[in-house]
């Protein structure tokens, strides 16, 4: 397994946001975390990345306990996090944002090659490479956030709500790109409010309720689970 989360608990003050959750992501997998708002999904990603402090539990990435490693050093090890809300550098150009994604790298030729790879995956970014990122549309900003994450050459990409606020046609495009990223060899841990879309592309899924994992299994099986359908799929 490329990622193993074991008995992870996180508190926000007196409030326990996560309660001893455990799950895994295998190499080459897409694993999705689904559940209602406030269930602990985004907190899980932030805990994995060490953006917030854990109360208990461990996170292993490629067999190494990364609990005491600074977030920027985690990126060097091959784990990139595309946060909820995109968090692009709004005052920088598209090209500058992508170059910032490669800030841990020293291989100039490799960086140039990977920028072209991102442009191939997101042609609209190439059309706007000198445009200030804050003036892009919501969909273009999401593409930029994902492209910036890919510039770190991750083995595992954490994606937090990539379709949030996007028009349906753009949602389809973003999910197609997620599938392509995975087919190119990157494992993906996906937090997504659109459970139907997430379960369609994932191999496995975990269902969160109030900071706990209440159900897990193959994505295709959960998509046909009556309780999951009633709670998250609108059927």
Foldseek 3Di string as FASTA:
>chain_A
DQKWWFQWWDADVVRTQAGGAIDDFDWLFEEEEEEDPSLNPLVVVCQQLVVDATPDTFMDGNNHTCNPPHNVVVLLVFEFEQHPPLPFPQQAFLQVSLVVLQVVDDPVVVLVVLVVVLCVLVVVCVVRRRPRLNPDDPLVSLSSSVSSRCSSVHLEYEYEASCPPHDPVSVVSVLVSVLVVSVVTHYYYYYHLQLVSSLVRGQKYFYGGSNYTDDIDGSVVLCPDPVSCVRRVVD
